[in-house]
Each structure stands twice: as C-alpha cells, then as structure tokens.
PDB file of N, CA and C in Angstrom:
ATOM      1  N   MET A   1       4.373 -19.606   0.767  1.00  0.00           N
ATOM      2  CA  MET A   1       4.939 -18.277   0.911  1.00  0.00           C
ATOM      3  C   MET A   1       4.799 -17.829   2.365  1.00  0.00           C
ATOM      4  N   SER A   2       5.817 -17.193   2.898  1.00  0.00           N
ATOM      5  CA  SER A   2       5.747 -16.671   4.257  1.00  0.00           C
ATOM      6  C   SER A   2       4.857 -15.429   4.291  1.00  0.00           C
ATOM      7  N   ASP A   3       4.447 -15.023   5.494  1.00  0.00           N
ATOM      8  CA  ASP A   3       3.650 -13.794   5.617  1.00  0.00           C
ATOM      9  C   ASP A   3       4.406 -12.602   5.052  1.00  0.00           C
ATOM     10  N   LEU A   4       5.704 -12.521   5.325  1.00  0.00           N
ATOM     11  CA  LEU A   4       6.497 -11.393   4.836  1.00  0.00           C
ATOM     12  C   LEU A   4       6.518 -11.375   3.307  1.00  0.00           C
ATOM     13  N   GLU A   5       6.732 -12.532   2.681  1.00  0.00           N
ATOM     14  CA  GLU A   5       6.731 -12.599   1.217  1.00  0.00           C
ATOM     15  C   GLU A   5       5.361 -12.248   0.646  1.00  0.00           C
ATOM     16  N   THR A   6       4.295 -12.716   1.297  1.00  0.00           N
ATOM     17  CA  THR A   6       2.939 -12.401   0.862  1.00  0.00           C
ATOM     18  C   THR A   6       2.694 -10.907   0.931  1.00  0.00           C
ATOM     19  N   LEU A   7       3.100 -10.270   2.037  1.00  0.00           N
ATOM     20  CA  LEU A   7       2.880  -8.830   2.204  1.00  0.00           C
ATOM     21  C   LEU A   7       3.734  -8.018   1.238  1.00  0.00           C
ATOM     22  N   GLU A   8       4.957  -8.479   0.954  1.00  0.00           N
ATOM     23  CA  GLU A   8       5.781  -7.787  -0.047  1.00  0.00           C
ATOM     24  C   GLU A   8       5.083  -7.806  -1.407  1.00  0.00           C
ATOM     25  N   ALA A   9       4.534  -8.955  -1.790  1.00  0.00           N
ATOM     26  CA  ALA A   9       3.824  -9.068  -3.071  1.00  0.00           C
ATOM     27  C   ALA A   9       2.563  -8.211  -3.082  1.00  0.00           C
ATOM     28  N   LEU A  10       1.818  -8.212  -1.975  1.00  0.00           N
ATOM     29  CA  LEU A  10       0.605  -7.395  -1.896  1.00  0.00           C
ATOM     30  C   LEU A  10       0.930  -5.913  -1.972  1.00  0.00           C
ATOM     31  N   ASN A  11       2.024  -5.503  -1.342  1.00  0.00           N
ATOM     32  CA  ASN A  11       2.436  -4.099  -1.408  1.00  0.00           C
ATOM     33  C   ASN A  11       2.754  -3.717  -2.850  1.00  0.00           C
ATOM     34  N   ARG A  12       3.460  -4.595  -3.575  1.00  0.00           N
ATOM     35  CA  ARG A  12       3.741  -4.322  -4.997  1.00  0.00           C
ATOM     36  C   ARG A  12       2.440  -4.239  -5.789  1.00  0.00           C
ATOM     37  N   ASP A  13       1.491  -5.161  -5.509  1.00  0.00           N
ATOM     38  CA  ASP A  13       0.196  -5.135  -6.191  1.00  0.00           C
ATOM     39  C   ASP A  13      -0.553  -3.842  -5.907  1.00  0.00           C
ATOM     40  N   TYR A  14      -0.515  -3.390  -4.667  1.00  0.00           N
ATOM     41  CA  TYR A  14      -1.213  -2.160  -4.277  1.00  0.00           C
ATOM     42  C   TYR A  14      -0.661  -0.982  -5.082  1.00  0.00           C
ATOM     43  N   ILE A  15       0.671  -0.834  -5.101  1.00  0.00           N
ATOM     44  CA  ILE A  15       1.292   0.278  -5.825  1.00  0.00           C
ATOM     45  C   ILE A  15       0.988   0.170  -7.320  1.00  0.00           C
ATOM     46  N   SER A  16       1.083  -1.033  -7.870  1.00  0.00           N
ATOM     47  CA  SER A  16       0.771  -1.242  -9.279  1.00  0.00           C
ATOM     48  C   SER A  16      -0.687  -0.891  -9.581  1.00  0.00           C
ATOM     49  N   SER A  17      -1.589  -1.236  -8.671  1.00  0.00           N
ATOM     50  CA  SER A  17      -3.005  -0.922  -8.866  1.00  0.00           C
ATOM     51  C   SER A  17      -3.236   0.581  -8.892  1.00  0.00           C
ATOM     52  N   VAL A  18      -2.505   1.323  -8.061  1.00  0.00           N
ATOM     53  CA  VAL A  18      -2.605   2.787  -8.072  1.00  0.00           C
ATOM     54  C   VAL A  18      -2.083   3.324  -9.401  1.00  0.00           C
ATOM     55  N   GLN A  19      -0.911   2.842  -9.813  1.00  0.00           N
ATOM     56  CA  GLN A  19      -0.292   3.332 -11.042  1.00  0.00           C
ATOM     57  C   GLN A  19      -1.151   3.075 -12.269  1.00  0.00           C
ATOM     58  N   ASN A  20      -1.830   1.924 -12.278  1.00  0.00           N
ATOM     59  CA  ASN A  20      -2.564   1.499 -13.467  1.00  0.00           C
ATOM     60  C   ASN A  20      -4.079   1.609 -13.347  1.00  0.00           C
ATOM     61  N   GLY A  21      -4.571   2.136 -12.220  1.00  0.00           N
ATOM     62  CA  GLY A  21      -6.009   2.267 -12.029  1.00  0.00           C
ATOM     63  C   GLY A  21      -6.720   0.916 -12.074  1.00  0.00           C
ATOM     64  N   ASP A  22      -6.103  -0.109 -11.483  1.00  0.00           N
ATOM     65  CA  ASP A  22      -6.622  -1.478 -11.540  1.00  0.00           C
ATOM     66  C   ASP A  22      -7.681  -1.703 -10.454  1.00  0.00           C
ATOM     67  N   VAL A  23      -8.896  -1.292 -10.739  1.00  0.00           N
ATOM     68  CA  VAL A  23      -9.996  -1.392  -9.777  1.00  0.00           C
ATOM     69  C   VAL A  23     -10.285  -2.847  -9.422  1.00  0.00           C
ATOM     70  N   ARG A  24     -10.211  -3.737 -10.381  1.00  0.00           N
ATOM     71  CA  ARG A  24     -10.484  -5.158 -10.133  1.00  0.00           C
ATOM     72  C   ARG A  24      -9.518  -5.731  -9.092  1.00  0.00           C
ATOM     73  N   ARG A  25      -8.222  -5.383  -9.203  1.00  0.00           N
ATOM     74  CA  ARG A  25      -7.242  -5.885  -8.220  1.00  0.00           C
ATOM     75  C   ARG A  25      -7.501  -5.248  -6.856  1.00  0.00           C
ATOM     76  N   PHE A  26      -7.823  -3.963  -6.829  1.00  0.00           N
ATOM     77  CA  PHE A  26      -8.167  -3.321  -5.556  1.00  0.00           C
ATOM     78  C   PHE A  26      -9.329  -4.045  -4.886  1.00  0.00           C
ATOM     79  N   ASP A  27     -10.350  -4.410  -5.650  1.00  0.00           N
ATOM     80  CA  ASP A  27     -11.486  -5.139  -5.085  1.00  0.00           C
ATOM     81  C   ASP A  27     -11.052  -6.424  -4.403  1.00  0.00           C
ATOM     82  N   ALA A  28      -9.991  -7.053  -4.917  1.00  0.00           N
ATOM     83  CA  ALA A  28      -9.521  -8.321  -4.369  1.00  0.00           C
ATOM     84  C   ALA A  28      -8.667  -8.154  -3.113  1.00  0.00           C
ATOM     85  N   ILE A  29      -7.987  -7.011  -2.974  1.00  0.00           N
ATOM     86  CA  ILE A  29      -7.031  -6.884  -1.855  1.00  0.00           C
ATOM     87  C   ILE A  29      -7.422  -5.856  -0.798  1.00  0.00           C
ATOM     88  N   LEU A  30      -8.479  -5.088  -1.027  1.00  0.00           N
ATOM     89  CA  LEU A  30      -8.898  -4.094  -0.038  1.00  0.00           C
ATOM     90  C   LEU A  30     -10.062  -4.627   0.782  1.00  0.00           C
ATOM     91  N   ALA A  31      -9.974  -4.451   2.090  1.00  0.00           N
ATOM     92  CA  ALA A  31     -11.068  -4.839   2.978  1.00  0.00           C
ATOM     93  C   ALA A  31     -12.253  -3.905   2.754  1.00  0.00           C
ATOM     94  N   PRO A  32     -13.471  -4.363   3.046  1.00  0.00           N
ATOM     95  CA  PRO A  32     -14.647  -3.501   2.875  1.00  0.00           C
ATOM     96  C   PRO A  32     -14.536  -2.194   3.662  1.00  0.00           C
ATOM     97  N   GLU A  33     -13.861  -2.228   4.812  1.00  0.00           N
ATOM     98  CA  GLU A  33     -13.736  -1.028   5.648  1.00  0.00           C
ATOM     99  C   GLU A  33     -12.495  -0.195   5.313  1.00  0.00           C
ATOM    100  N   PHE A  34     -11.822  -0.486   4.183  1.00  0.00           N
ATOM    101  CA  PHE A  34     -10.600   0.214   3.802  1.00  0.00           C
ATOM    102  C   PHE A  34     -10.829   1.712   3.676  1.00  0.00           C
ATOM    103  N   TYR A  35      -9.862   2.483   4.158  1.00  0.00           N
ATOM    104  CA  TYR A  35      -9.885   3.940   4.037  1.00  0.00           C
ATOM    105  C   TYR A  35      -8.492   4.400   3.645  1.00  0.00           C
ATOM    106  N   CYS A  36      -8.390   5.283   2.671  1.00  0.00           N
ATOM    107  CA  CYS A  36      -7.109   5.822   2.237  1.00  0.00           C
ATOM    108  C   CYS A  36      -7.195   7.329   2.182  1.00  0.00           C
ATOM    109  N   SER A  37      -6.203   8.009   2.761  1.00  0.00           N
ATOM    110  CA  SER A  37      -6.204   9.463   2.749  1.00  0.00           C
ATOM    111  C   SER A  37      -5.676  10.014   1.425  1.00  0.00           C
ATOM    112  N   ASN A  38      -4.924   9.204   0.690  1.00  0.00           N
ATOM    113  CA  ASN A  38      -4.391   9.607  -0.607  1.00  0.00           C
ATOM    114  C   ASN A  38      -3.634   8.414  -1.178  1.00  0.00           C
ATOM    115  N   SER A  39      -3.284   8.468  -2.435  1.00  0.00           N
ATOM    116  CA  SER A  39      -2.558   7.346  -3.047  1.00  0.00           C
ATOM    117  C   SER A  39      -1.152   7.768  -3.466  1.00  0.00           C
ATOM    118  N   SER A  40      -0.260   6.785  -3.595  1.00  0.00           N
ATOM    119  CA  SER A  40       1.127   7.052  -3.998  1.00  0.00           C
ATOM    120  C   SER A  40       1.395   6.392  -5.341  1.00  0.00           C
ATOM    121  N   LEU A  41       2.515   6.726  -5.973  1.00  0.00           N
ATOM    122  CA  LEU A  41       2.799   6.186  -7.288  1.00  0.00           C
ATOM    123  C   LEU A  41       3.972   5.222  -7.332  1.00  0.00           C
ATOM    124  N   GLU A  42       5.079   5.503  -6.672  1.00  0.00           N
ATOM    125  CA  GLU A  42       6.218   4.587  -6.643  1.00  0.00           C
ATOM    126  C   GLU A  42       6.700   4.460  -5.208  1.00  0.00           C
ATOM    127  N   ALA A  43       7.007   3.236  -4.804  1.00  0.00           N
ATOM    128  CA  ALA A  43       7.439   2.978  -3.429  1.00  0.00           C
ATOM    129  C   ALA A  43       8.929   2.653  -3.385  1.00  0.00           C
ATOM    130  N   HIS A  44       9.601   3.157  -2.344  1.00  0.00           N
ATOM    131  CA  HIS A  44      11.024   2.910  -2.117  1.00  0.00           C
ATOM    132  C   HIS A  44      11.229   2.670  -0.622  1.00  0.00           C
ATOM    133  N   ASP A  45      12.323   2.002  -0.292  1.00  0.00           N
ATOM    134  CA  ASP A  45      12.697   1.789   1.121  1.00  0.00           C
ATOM    135  C   ASP A  45      11.542   1.188   1.921  1.00  0.00           C
ATOM    136  N   VAL A  46      10.952   0.130   1.406  1.00  0.00           N
ATOM    137  CA  VAL A  46       9.788  -0.497   2.042  1.00  0.00           C
ATOM    138  C   VAL A  46      10.212  -1.232   3.316  1.00  0.00           C
ATOM    139  N   LEU A  47       9.506  -0.971   4.406  1.00  0.00           N
ATOM    140  CA  LEU A  47       9.722  -1.650   5.684  1.00  0.00           C
ATOM    141  C   LEU A  47       8.398  -2.270   6.112  1.00  0.00           C
ATOM    142  N   ILE A  48       8.391  -3.594   6.308  1.00  0.00           N
ATOM    143  CA  ILE A  48       7.179  -4.299   6.721  1.00  0.00           C
ATOM    144  C   ILE A  48       7.367  -4.797   8.150  1.00  0.00           C
ATOM    145  N   ARG A  49       6.421  -4.415   9.033  1.00  0.00           N
ATOM    146  CA  ARG A  49       6.444  -4.874  10.426  1.00  0.00           C
ATOM    147  C   ARG A  49       5.250  -5.796  10.653  1.00  0.00           C
ATOM    148  N   LEU A  50       5.530  -7.057  11.005  1.00  0.00           N
ATOM    149  CA  LEU A  50       4.485  -8.040  11.296  1.00  0.00           C
ATOM    150  C   LEU A  50       4.172  -8.023  12.781  1.00  0.00           C
ATOM    151  N   LEU A  51       2.894  -7.882  13.106  1.00  0.00           N
ATOM    152  CA  LEU A  51       2.438  -7.847  14.494  1.00  0.00           C
ATOM    153  C   LEU A  51       1.272  -8.825  14.639  1.00  0.00           C
ATOM    154  N   GLY A  52       1.567 -10.117  14.534  1.00  0.00           N
ATOM    155  CA  GLY A  52       0.510 -11.119  14.595  1.00  0.00           C
ATOM    156  C   GLY A  52      -0.334 -11.077  13.344  1.00  0.00           C
ATOM    157  N   ASP A  53      -1.636 -10.821  13.497  1.00  0.00           N
ATOM    158  CA  ASP A  53      -2.554 -10.764  12.360  1.00  0.00           C
ATOM    159  C   ASP A  53      -2.692  -9.364  11.784  1.00  0.00           C
ATOM    160  N   VAL A  54      -1.763  -8.479  12.138  1.00  0.00           N
ATOM    161  CA  VAL A  54      -1.722  -7.110  11.601  1.00  0.00           C
ATOM    162  C   VAL A  54      -0.304  -6.855  11.106  1.00  0.00           C
ATOM    163  N   ALA A  55      -0.193  -6.141  10.002  1.00  0.00           N
ATOM    164  CA  ALA A  55       1.109  -5.733   9.483  1.00  0.00           C
ATOM    165  C   ALA A  55       1.043  -4.256   9.125  1.00  0.00           C
ATOM    166  N   ILE A  56       2.144  -3.568   9.366  1.00  0.00           N
ATOM    167  CA  ILE A  56       2.246  -2.154   9.026  1.00  0.00           C
ATOM    168  C   ILE A  56       3.379  -2.017   8.015  1.00  0.00           C
ATOM    169  N   ILE A  57       3.086  -1.370   6.894  1.00  0.00           N
ATOM    170  CA  ILE A  57       4.084  -1.178   5.849  1.00  0.00           C
ATOM    171  C   ILE A  57       4.368   0.316   5.723  1.00  0.00           C
ATOM    172  N   HIS A  58       5.648   0.671   5.864  1.00  0.00           N
ATOM    173  CA  HIS A  58       6.093   2.052   5.707  1.00  0.00           C
ATOM    174  C   HIS A  58       6.981   2.124   4.463  1.00  0.00           C
ATOM    175  N   ALA A  59       6.933   3.224   3.738  1.00  0.00           N
ATOM    176  CA  ALA A  59       7.821   3.406   2.588  1.00  0.00           C
ATOM    177  C   ALA A  59       7.887   4.880   2.213  1.00  0.00           C
ATOM    178  N   THR A  60       8.902   5.226   1.456  1.00  0.00           N
ATOM    179  CA  THR A  60       8.970   6.556   0.864  1.00  0.00           C
ATOM    180  C   THR A  60       8.342   6.468  -0.529  1.00  0.00           C
ATOM    181  N   THR A  61       7.909   7.598  -1.056  1.00  0.00           N
ATOM    182  CA  THR A  61       7.275   7.621  -2.368  1.00  0.00           C
ATOM    183  C   THR A  61       7.894   8.694  -3.251  1.00  0.00           C
ATOM    184  N   THR A  62       7.807   8.453  -4.536  1.00  0.00           N
ATOM    185  CA  THR A  62       8.106   9.483  -5.530  1.00  0.00           C
ATOM    186  C   THR A  62       6.957   9.478  -6.525  1.00  0.00           C
ATOM    187  N   TYR A  63       6.684  10.629  -7.082  1.00  0.00           N
ATOM    188  CA  TYR A  63       5.579  10.764  -8.026  1.00  0.00           C
ATOM    189  C   TYR A  63       5.795  12.020  -8.858  1.00  0.00           C
ATOM    190  N   LYS A  64       4.990  12.183  -9.876  1.00  0.00           N
ATOM    191  CA  LYS A  64       5.041  13.383 -10.712  1.00  0.00           C
ATOM    192  C   LYS A  64       3.841  14.248 -10.366  1.00  0.00           C
ATOM    193  N   ARG A  65       4.083  15.510 -10.049  1.00  0.00           N
ATOM    194  CA  ARG A  65       3.010  16.463  -9.748  1.00  0.00           C
ATOM    195  C   ARG A  65       2.280  16.846 -11.029  1.00  0.00           C
ATOM    196  N   PRO A  66       1.075  17.413 -10.908  1.00  0.00           N
ATOM    197  CA  PRO A  66       0.319  17.807 -12.103  1.00  0.00           C
ATOM    198  C   PRO A  66       1.089  18.746 -13.033  1.00  0.00           C
ATOM    199  N   ASP A  67       2.007  19.569 -12.459  1.00  0.00           N
ATOM    200  CA  ASP A  67       2.786  20.481 -13.297  1.00  0.00           C
ATOM    201  C   ASP A  67       4.030  19.820 -13.899  1.00  0.00           C
ATOM    202  N   GLY A  68       4.178  18.495 -13.667  1.00  0.00           N
ATOM    203  CA  GLY A  68       5.303  17.756 -14.230  1.00  0.00           C
ATOM    204  C   GLY A  68       6.531  17.688 -13.342  1.00  0.00           C
ATOM    205  N   GLN A  69       6.553  18.461 -12.264  1.00  0.00           N
ATOM    206  CA  GLN A  69       7.681  18.465 -11.350  1.00  0.00           C
ATOM    207  C   GLN A  69       7.662  17.204 -10.475  1.00  0.00           C
ATOM    208  N   PRO A  70       8.845  16.731 -10.052  1.00  0.00           N
ATOM    209  CA  PRO A  70       8.872  15.552  -9.183  1.00  0.00           C
ATOM    210  C   PRO A  70       8.397  15.896  -7.778  1.00  0.00           C
ATOM    211  N   GLY A  71       7.757  14.944  -7.133  1.00  0.00           N
ATOM    212  CA  GLY A  71       7.323  15.079  -5.749  1.00  0.00           C
ATOM    213  C   GLY A  71       7.779  13.872  -4.959  1.00  0.00           C
ATOM    214  N   ALA A  72       7.719  13.979  -3.642  1.00  0.00           N
ATOM    215  CA  ALA A  72       8.125  12.870  -2.771  1.00  0.00           C
ATOM    216  C   ALA A  72       7.264  12.891  -1.524  1.00  0.00           C
ATOM    217  N   GLY A  73       7.252  11.789  -0.833  1.00  0.00           N
ATOM    218  CA  GLY A  73       6.495  11.689   0.405  1.00  0.00           C
ATOM    219  C   GLY A  73       6.744  10.355   1.089  1.00  0.00           C
ATOM    220  N   ARG A  74       5.813   9.980   1.958  1.00  0.00           N
ATOM    221  CA  ARG A  74       5.879   8.712   2.683  1.00  0.00           C
ATOM    222  C   ARG A  74       4.477   8.145   2.765  1.00  0.00           C
ATOM    223  N   TYR A  75       4.390   6.818   2.948  1.00  0.00           N
ATOM    224  CA  TYR A  75       3.093   6.211   3.211  1.00  0.00           C
ATOM    225  C   TYR A  75       3.191   5.162   4.288  1.00  0.00           C
ATOM    226  N   THR A  76       2.074   4.945   4.931  1.00  0.00           N
ATOM    227  CA  THR A  76       1.910   3.878   5.910  1.00  0.00           C
ATOM    228  C   THR A  76       0.615   3.153   5.562  1.00  0.00           C
ATOM    229  N   ASP A  77       0.733   1.848   5.289  1.00  0.00           N
ATOM    230  CA  ASP A  77      -0.435   1.009   5.021  1.00  0.00           C
ATOM    231  C   ASP A  77      -0.603   0.025   6.171  1.00  0.00           C
ATOM    232  N   VAL A  78      -1.842  -0.247   6.533  1.00  0.00           N
ATOM    233  CA  VAL A  78      -2.139  -1.231   7.565  1.00  0.00           C
ATOM    234  C   VAL A  78      -2.878  -2.390   6.905  1.00  0.00           C
ATOM    235  N   TRP A  79      -2.380  -3.599   7.133  1.00  0.00           N
ATOM    236  CA  TRP A  79      -2.971  -4.828   6.593  1.00  0.00           C
ATOM    237  C   TRP A  79      -3.414  -5.698   7.748  1.00  0.00           C
ATOM    238  N   ALA A  80      -4.506  -6.423   7.575  1.00  0.00           N
ATOM    239  CA  ALA A  80      -5.009  -7.336   8.607  1.00  0.00           C
ATOM    240  C   ALA A  80      -5.319  -8.686   7.958  1.00  0.00           C
ATOM    241  N   ARG A  81      -4.973  -9.759   8.671  1.00  0.00           N
ATOM    242  CA  ARG A  81      -5.327 -11.088   8.182  1.00  0.00           C
ATOM    243  C   ARG A  81      -6.775 -11.343   8.571  1.00  0.00           C
ATOM    244  N   GLN A  82      -7.634 -11.487   7.568  1.00  0.00           N
ATOM    245  CA  GLN A  82      -9.070 -11.713   7.780  1.00  0.00           C
ATOM    246  C   GLN A  82      -9.486 -12.924   6.963  1.00  0.00           C
ATOM    247  N   GLY A  83     -10.043 -13.923   7.627  1.00  0.00           N
ATOM    248  CA  GLY A  83     -10.478 -15.119   6.911  1.00  0.00           C
ATOM    249  C   GLY A  83      -9.342 -15.817   6.193  1.00  0.00           C
ATOM    250  N   GLY A  84      -8.134 -15.766   6.748  1.00  0.00           N
ATOM    251  CA  GLY A  84      -6.982 -16.415   6.142  1.00  0.00           C
ATOM    252  C   GLY A  84      -6.306 -15.628   5.041  1.00  0.00           C
ATOM    253  N   ARG A  85      -6.795 -14.412   4.733  1.00  0.00           N
ATOM    254  CA  ARG A  85      -6.214 -13.569   3.688  1.00  0.00           C
ATOM    255  C   ARG A  85      -5.729 -12.257   4.278  1.00  0.00           C
ATOM    256  N   TRP A  86      -4.670 -11.711   3.715  1.00  0.00           N
ATOM    257  CA  TRP A  86      -4.219 -10.377   4.087  1.00  0.00           C
ATOM    258  C   TRP A  86      -4.993  -9.367   3.253  1.00  0.00           C
ATOM    259  N   LEU A  87      -5.627  -8.412   3.933  1.00  0.00           N
ATOM    260  CA  LEU A  87      -6.379  -7.356   3.263  1.00  0.00           C
ATOM    261  C   LEU A  87      -5.914  -5.994   3.789  1.00  0.00           C
ATOM    262  N   ALA A  88      -5.803  -5.025   2.895  1.00  0.00           N
ATOM    263  CA  ALA A  88      -5.464  -3.665   3.303  1.00  0.00           C
ATOM    264  C   ALA A  88      -6.688  -3.048   3.987  1.00  0.00           C
ATOM    265  N   VAL A  89      -6.476  -2.478   5.174  1.00  0.00           N
ATOM    266  CA  VAL A  89      -7.586  -1.868   5.903  1.00  0.00           C
ATOM    267  C   VAL A  89      -7.433  -0.355   6.037  1.00  0.00           C
ATOM    268  N   SER A  90      -6.225   0.172   5.801  1.00  0.00           N
ATOM    269  CA  SER A  90      -6.033   1.614   5.929  1.00  0.00           C
ATOM    270  C   SER A  90      -4.740   2.024   5.227  1.00  0.00           C
ATOM    271  N   ALA A  91      -4.710   3.251   4.733  1.00  0.00           N
ATOM    272  CA  ALA A  91      -3.498   3.807   4.129  1.00  0.00           C
ATOM    273  C   ALA A  91      -3.446   5.298   4.405  1.00  0.00           C
ATOM    274  N   HIS A  92      -2.242   5.787   4.631  1.00  0.00           N
ATOM    275  CA  HIS A  92      -2.057   7.219   4.847  1.00  0.00           C
ATOM    276  C   HIS A  92      -0.822   7.646   4.057  1.00  0.00           C
ATOM    277  N   VAL A  93      -0.948   8.738   3.311  1.00  0.00           N
ATOM    278  CA  VAL A  93       0.162   9.251   2.501  1.00  0.00           C
ATOM    279  C   VAL A  93       0.405  10.706   2.872  1.00  0.00           C
ATOM    280  N   THR A  94       1.672  11.040   3.040  1.00  0.00           N
ATOM    281  CA  THR A  94       2.048  12.450   3.218  1.00  0.00           C
ATOM    282  C   THR A  94       2.926  12.833   2.043  1.00  0.00           C
ATOM    283  N   ARG A  95       2.809  14.063   1.619  1.00  0.00           N
ATOM    284  CA  ARG A  95       3.586  14.559   0.490  1.00  0.00           C
ATOM    285  C   ARG A  95       4.461  15.699   0.951  1.00  0.00           C
ATOM    286  N   CYS A  96       5.696  15.722   0.418  1.00  0.00           N
ATOM    287  CA  CYS A  96       6.653  16.769   0.779  1.00  0.00           C
ATOM    288  C   CYS A  96       6.628  17.885  -0.228  1.00  0.00           C
TER     289      CYS A  96
END
C-alpha cells in the first residue's frame, strides 16, 4: 500500500473510532503524545498532504448537535511516521 492509501485508511479508522468509541483502535493508531482539541463524526472532502514523514489531513465535518440539529465544521489531523508506522500526533476541530 502506498503512503497515501495507508493514510486514507487510517483517516477512515480514526473517524470510525470516534463514531463508535473504539478505544482499542485509538490505542493502535494514536501516538503517545497525541493531542486533540475535539472530535468529529463524519468526514467529507478529505485532502491529504504528504510532507516526507509527516502528513496533514484536512476535511469538512458534519455531525448532530446535542439538540438534534445538524452541525458542520472542519478538522486538521497531523500524522507522523514513527518506527515505520503512521501515527496520529495531533488533531484540531472547528465547529460552525
């Protein structure tokens, strides 16, 4: 698998882990120093930028607010290749 294909799959896993509360999968793909300002629920318009051993993933998000109304936003995730594996090291989500 190419780096781009690997990162696309990891991005899907990350979003799925948020949606399903999959702590075990998060343990496998998050670096020990991972920090997230907030989590998203569905990703759209995913753009992956490879910069050597670092990748930046941008996307728009949609989610349901606590009152049931739809919400939207954007996220930026930073991934780093560590020990031959891609691990998420940071995430930032903004909500509209």
